[in-house]
């Protein structure tokens, strides 16, 4: 009887939390399909209005939307792929290889997390400006080619893999390259997917970095491009349509990798 009460309470609490989390998304989706310059009244009465795709059509026809999407894909996919690769390689090295100063080097790298990324904006801008890389993809990609948290996730995961796998592979004549990409990589696909999900969402949603390092509309990613359009228009419906455009790729990314993401978080010991 006690377990049934506990289960019922859990269901009620989870339902309340689900409603709280879903309400902003419902408002965003409904708001994106109505012609409304200023949000008025109860959001759940908006559905009674005439719903249309006018706001989406407006964004596509009155902006460089496709160019912004292309820029976002470039500055997101390349860093994501590189972070997944370097997380795999460095995670393997720090978890399975013994060398002098291994732990010291790793924790010095981990200490980088304590430095806010905003502090590095000005020195990076000065450096990239002197090189002539401002308003290009390079300053948006280069600082993100690897991420220490991704290395940490993979390291924690690989520490749980039995050492006998490596020893058996060495006996069979395999080298480190074959062990890493033939044995460790397939076993680590869940944690690699977790790293990729985090990297994709972070890069796609970044606003400050491209705002600083891009100076023309042709180089804007979707976040900065939509912000520039919404600043000019000041229309609630268009703002919500822009939010939907920006939200869909990260939602699909998480939906696709959800089972790997959950498993990867559990196996790395981060609860």
Protein backbone atom coordinates (compact mmCIF):
# COMPACT_ATOMS: atom_id res chain seq x y z
CA UNK A 1 0.00 0.00 0.00
CA UNK A 2 2.84 2.33 0.92
CA UNK A 3 4.57 1.67 -2.40
CA UNK A 4 1.37 2.51 -4.31
CA UNK A 5 1.09 5.83 -2.48
CA UNK A 6 4.72 6.62 -3.26
CA UNK A 7 4.18 5.69 -6.90
CA UNK A 8 1.06 7.88 -7.12
CA UNK A 9 2.86 10.85 -5.56
CA UNK A 10 5.76 10.39 -8.00
CA UNK A 11 3.37 10.34 -10.97
CA UNK A 12 1.61 13.51 -9.78
CA UNK A 13 4.91 15.35 -9.21
CA UNK A 14 6.31 14.25 -12.57
CA UNK A 15 3.09 15.33 -14.30
CA UNK A 16 3.30 18.78 -12.69
CA UNK A 17 6.95 19.11 -13.70
CA UNK A 18 6.15 17.99 -17.25
CA UNK A 19 3.43 20.65 -17.53
CA UNK A 20 5.78 23.33 -16.18
CA UNK A 21 8.53 22.38 -18.66
CA UNK A 22 6.18 22.00 -21.64
CA UNK A 23 4.23 25.24 -21.12
CA UNK A 24 6.96 27.56 -22.53
CA UNK A 25 7.31 25.34 -25.62
CA UNK A 26 3.55 25.32 -26.18
CA UNK A 27 3.48 29.11 -25.90
CA UNK A 28 6.41 29.36 -28.33
CA UNK A 29 4.78 27.11 -30.94
CA UNK A 30 1.33 28.71 -30.75
CA UNK A 31 2.82 32.21 -30.67
CA UNK A 32 4.86 31.46 -33.79
CA UNK A 33 1.68 30.81 -35.78
CA UNK A 34 -0.31 33.94 -34.95
CA UNK A 35 0.02 37.52 -36.18
CA UNK A 36 0.59 39.33 -32.91
CA UNK A 37 2.98 42.21 -32.39
CA UNK A 38 2.54 42.23 -28.60
CA UNK A 39 1.53 39.20 -26.48
CA UNK A 40 -1.97 39.89 -25.14
CA UNK A 41 -4.21 37.76 -22.92
CA UNK A 42 -4.00 34.14 -21.86
CA UNK A 43 -1.58 32.23 -24.15
CA UNK A 44 -3.90 29.21 -24.18
CA UNK A 45 -6.64 31.31 -25.81
CA UNK A 46 -4.38 32.16 -28.74
CA UNK A 47 -5.17 28.82 -30.35
CA UNK A 48 -8.67 30.15 -31.01
CA UNK A 49 -7.16 32.70 -33.38
CA UNK A 50 -6.37 32.02 -37.03
CA UNK A 51 -3.17 30.02 -37.07
CA UNK A 52 -0.86 30.33 -40.08
CA UNK A 53 2.76 30.03 -41.19
CA UNK A 54 2.97 33.74 -42.01
CA UNK A 55 5.75 34.45 -39.50
CA UNK A 56 7.91 31.62 -40.82
CA UNK A 57 7.42 32.80 -44.40
CA UNK A 58 8.26 36.34 -43.35
CA UNK A 59 11.60 35.26 -41.83
CA UNK A 60 12.54 33.18 -44.89
CA UNK A 61 11.60 35.88 -47.42
CA UNK A 62 12.92 38.93 -45.54
CA UNK A 63 16.26 37.68 -44.29
CA UNK A 64 19.33 35.69 -45.28
CA UNK A 65 17.88 32.72 -43.41
CA UNK A 66 19.42 29.97 -45.55
CA UNK A 67 22.83 31.64 -45.31
CA UNK A 68 22.51 31.85 -41.53
CA UNK A 69 21.58 28.15 -41.36
CA UNK A 70 24.60 27.26 -43.51
CA UNK A 71 26.91 29.29 -41.26
CA UNK A 72 25.47 27.66 -38.14
CA UNK A 73 25.96 24.20 -39.61
CA UNK A 74 29.60 24.95 -40.49
CA UNK A 75 30.52 26.35 -37.07
CA UNK A 76 28.61 23.57 -35.30
CA UNK A 77 29.30 20.35 -37.21
CA UNK A 78 33.07 20.84 -37.58
CA UNK A 79 33.74 21.58 -33.85
CA UNK A 80 31.35 18.81 -32.82
CA UNK A 81 33.15 16.22 -34.96
CA UNK A 82 36.57 17.41 -33.75
CA UNK A 83 35.51 17.40 -30.10
CA UNK A 84 34.22 13.83 -30.43
CA UNK A 85 37.48 12.73 -32.07
CA UNK A 86 39.82 14.41 -29.57
CA UNK A 87 37.67 13.31 -26.62
CA UNK A 88 38.04 9.72 -27.80
CA UNK A 89 41.80 9.96 -28.33
CA UNK A 90 42.66 11.95 -25.20
CA UNK A 91 40.18 10.01 -23.06
CA UNK A 92 41.90 6.79 -24.10
CA UNK A 93 45.36 8.19 -23.40
CA UNK A 94 44.51 9.51 -19.92
CA UNK A 95 42.56 6.41 -18.90
CA UNK A 96 44.65 3.56 -20.31
CA UNK A 97 48.20 4.86 -20.76
CA UNK A 98 50.77 5.30 -18.01
CA UNK A 99 53.26 8.16 -18.35
CA UNK A 100 55.00 10.59 -16.05
CA UNK A 101 52.83 13.50 -14.91
CA UNK A 102 49.62 12.01 -16.34
CA UNK A 103 47.37 13.03 -13.46
CA UNK A 104 49.02 16.45 -13.08
CA UNK A 105 48.57 17.27 -16.77
CA UNK A 106 44.95 16.10 -16.70
CA UNK A 107 44.00 18.17 -13.66
CA UNK A 108 45.77 21.23 -15.04
CA UNK A 109 43.60 20.80 -18.13
CA UNK A 110 40.54 20.41 -15.91
CA UNK A 111 41.41 23.66 -14.16
CA UNK A 112 40.68 25.48 -17.44
CA UNK A 113 36.98 24.96 -16.65
CA UNK A 114 37.30 27.53 -13.85
CA UNK A 115 38.20 30.26 -16.35
CA UNK A 116 35.00 31.89 -17.69
CA UNK A 117 34.97 31.89 -21.49
CA UNK A 118 33.84 35.54 -21.50
CA UNK A 119 37.22 36.57 -20.05
CA UNK A 120 38.97 35.20 -23.13
CA UNK A 121 36.84 37.14 -25.63
CA UNK A 122 38.96 40.31 -25.65
CA UNK A 123 42.43 38.67 -25.95
CA UNK A 124 41.07 36.33 -28.64
CA UNK A 125 39.60 39.27 -30.54
CA UNK A 126 42.91 41.15 -30.42
CA UNK A 127 44.84 38.08 -31.57
CA UNK A 128 42.43 37.11 -34.37
CA UNK A 129 42.14 40.72 -35.52
CA UNK A 130 45.94 40.99 -35.91
CA UNK A 131 45.97 37.77 -37.92
CA UNK A 132 43.06 38.96 -40.06
CA UNK A 133 40.58 36.24 -39.11
CA UNK A 134 37.74 38.49 -37.93
CA UNK A 135 34.47 37.88 -39.82
CA UNK A 136 35.49 34.37 -40.83
CA UNK A 137 34.75 30.85 -39.65
CA UNK A 138 38.16 30.31 -38.04
CA UNK A 139 37.67 32.23 -34.75
CA UNK A 140 34.33 30.45 -34.33
CA UNK A 141 35.80 26.98 -34.90
CA UNK A 142 39.42 27.00 -33.72
CA UNK A 143 38.81 27.59 -29.96
CA UNK A 144 36.30 24.72 -29.97
CA UNK A 145 38.29 21.94 -31.60
CA UNK A 146 38.43 20.17 -28.25
CA UNK A 147 36.72 20.41 -24.87
CA UNK A 148 38.08 19.16 -21.58
CA UNK A 149 34.66 18.05 -20.32
CA UNK A 150 34.35 15.71 -23.28
CA UNK A 151 37.76 14.25 -22.43
CA UNK A 152 36.63 13.86 -18.83
CA UNK A 153 33.46 11.98 -19.83
CA UNK A 154 35.35 9.56 -22.09
CA UNK A 155 38.13 9.05 -19.52
CA UNK A 156 35.62 8.18 -16.80
CA UNK A 157 33.85 5.76 -19.12
CA UNK A 158 37.00 4.00 -20.31
CA UNK A 159 38.26 3.55 -16.75
CA UNK A 160 35.35 1.13 -16.30
CA UNK A 161 36.32 -1.00 -19.30
CA UNK A 162 38.28 -4.11 -18.27
CA UNK A 163 42.01 -3.93 -18.86
CA UNK A 164 41.92 -7.52 -20.12
CA UNK A 165 40.46 -6.27 -23.41
CA UNK A 166 43.66 -4.38 -24.14
CA UNK A 167 45.90 -7.19 -22.98
CA UNK A 168 44.11 -9.74 -25.16
CA UNK A 169 44.34 -7.39 -28.15
CA UNK A 170 48.08 -6.88 -27.62
CA UNK A 171 48.57 -10.66 -27.45
CA UNK A 172 46.76 -10.98 -30.80
CA UNK A 173 49.19 -8.48 -32.31
CA UNK A 174 47.01 -5.36 -32.30
CA UNK A 175 48.62 -1.94 -31.90
CA UNK A 176 47.27 1.14 -30.10
CA UNK A 177 45.56 2.42 -33.25
CA UNK A 178 43.62 -0.84 -33.73
CA UNK A 179 42.73 -1.03 -30.05
CA UNK A 180 41.46 2.55 -29.94
CA UNK A 181 39.37 2.54 -33.12
CA UNK A 182 38.59 -1.18 -33.32
CA UNK A 183 37.74 -1.93 -29.69
CA UNK A 184 37.46 1.18 -27.52
CA UNK A 185 35.55 3.37 -29.98
CA UNK A 186 32.69 0.88 -30.61
CA UNK A 187 32.36 0.23 -26.87
CA UNK A 188 32.35 3.97 -26.15
CA UNK A 189 29.74 5.05 -28.70
CA UNK A 190 27.25 6.03 -25.98
CA UNK A 191 29.64 8.42 -24.23
CA UNK A 192 30.91 9.76 -27.57
CA UNK A 193 27.29 10.49 -28.53
CA UNK A 194 26.92 12.33 -25.21
CA UNK A 195 29.97 14.45 -25.98
CA UNK A 196 28.64 15.16 -29.46
CA UNK A 197 25.21 16.16 -28.13
CA UNK A 198 26.70 18.60 -25.62
CA UNK A 199 29.05 20.04 -28.26
CA UNK A 200 26.31 20.44 -30.87
CA UNK A 201 23.90 22.20 -28.52
CA UNK A 202 26.62 24.49 -27.14
CA UNK A 203 27.95 25.51 -30.56
CA UNK A 204 24.52 25.90 -32.17
CA UNK A 205 23.10 28.04 -29.38
CA UNK A 206 26.16 30.24 -28.89
CA UNK A 207 25.30 33.91 -29.36
CA UNK A 208 28.09 35.96 -27.78
CA UNK A 209 31.07 34.56 -29.71
CA UNK A 210 29.67 35.02 -33.25
CA UNK A 211 28.23 38.38 -32.23
CA UNK A 212 31.76 39.57 -31.42
CA UNK A 213 33.69 37.91 -34.24
CA UNK A 214 31.30 38.43 -37.18
CA UNK A 215 30.67 41.84 -38.71
CA UNK A 216 28.48 41.15 -41.77
CA UNK A 217 25.07 39.56 -42.23
CA UNK A 218 26.57 37.06 -44.66
CA UNK A 219 28.65 35.57 -41.81
CA UNK A 220 25.97 35.56 -39.09
CA UNK A 221 24.86 32.18 -37.68
CA UNK A 222 21.17 31.64 -37.01
CA UNK A 223 21.35 32.99 -33.43
CA UNK A 224 22.86 36.36 -34.34
CA UNK A 225 20.95 36.62 -37.63
CA UNK A 226 17.56 36.13 -35.99
CA UNK A 227 18.50 38.54 -33.20
CA UNK A 228 19.35 41.23 -35.76
CA UNK A 229 16.05 40.62 -37.57
CA UNK A 230 13.99 40.62 -34.39
CA UNK A 231 15.64 43.81 -33.15
CA UNK A 232 14.52 45.50 -36.34
CA UNK A 233 11.00 44.04 -36.44
CA UNK A 234 10.06 43.90 -32.72
CA UNK A 235 7.18 41.51 -33.46
CA UNK A 236 6.21 38.83 -30.93
CA UNK A 237 4.96 36.35 -33.52
CA UNK A 238 8.15 36.68 -35.56
CA UNK A 239 10.23 36.32 -32.39
CA UNK A 240 8.48 33.05 -31.57
CA UNK A 241 8.90 31.78 -35.14
CA UNK A 242 12.61 32.59 -34.92
CA UNK A 243 12.82 30.71 -31.62
CA UNK A 244 11.21 27.67 -33.25
CA UNK A 245 13.67 27.83 -36.16
CA UNK A 246 16.59 27.94 -33.73
CA UNK A 247 15.20 25.26 -31.42
CA UNK A 248 14.35 22.52 -33.95
CA UNK A 249 17.93 21.34 -34.80
CA UNK A 250 18.98 20.96 -31.14
CA UNK A 251 15.70 19.19 -30.34
CA UNK A 252 16.20 16.72 -33.20
CA UNK A 253 19.83 16.18 -32.17
CA UNK A 254 18.85 15.33 -28.60
CA UNK A 255 15.89 13.19 -29.76
CA UNK A 256 18.12 11.16 -32.07
CA UNK A 257 20.87 10.57 -29.48
CA UNK A 258 18.62 10.41 -26.41
CA UNK A 259 19.22 6.74 -25.54
CA UNK A 260 22.98 7.11 -26.01
CA UNK A 261 22.97 10.38 -24.07
CA UNK A 262 21.20 8.87 -21.04
CA UNK A 263 23.39 5.77 -21.06
CA UNK A 264 26.57 7.81 -21.47
CA UNK A 265 25.76 10.05 -18.51
CA UNK A 266 24.99 7.01 -16.33
CA UNK A 267 28.13 5.11 -17.30
CA UNK A 268 30.48 8.04 -16.69
CA UNK A 269 29.29 8.22 -13.10
CA UNK A 270 27.81 11.74 -13.46
CA UNK A 271 24.42 11.41 -11.79
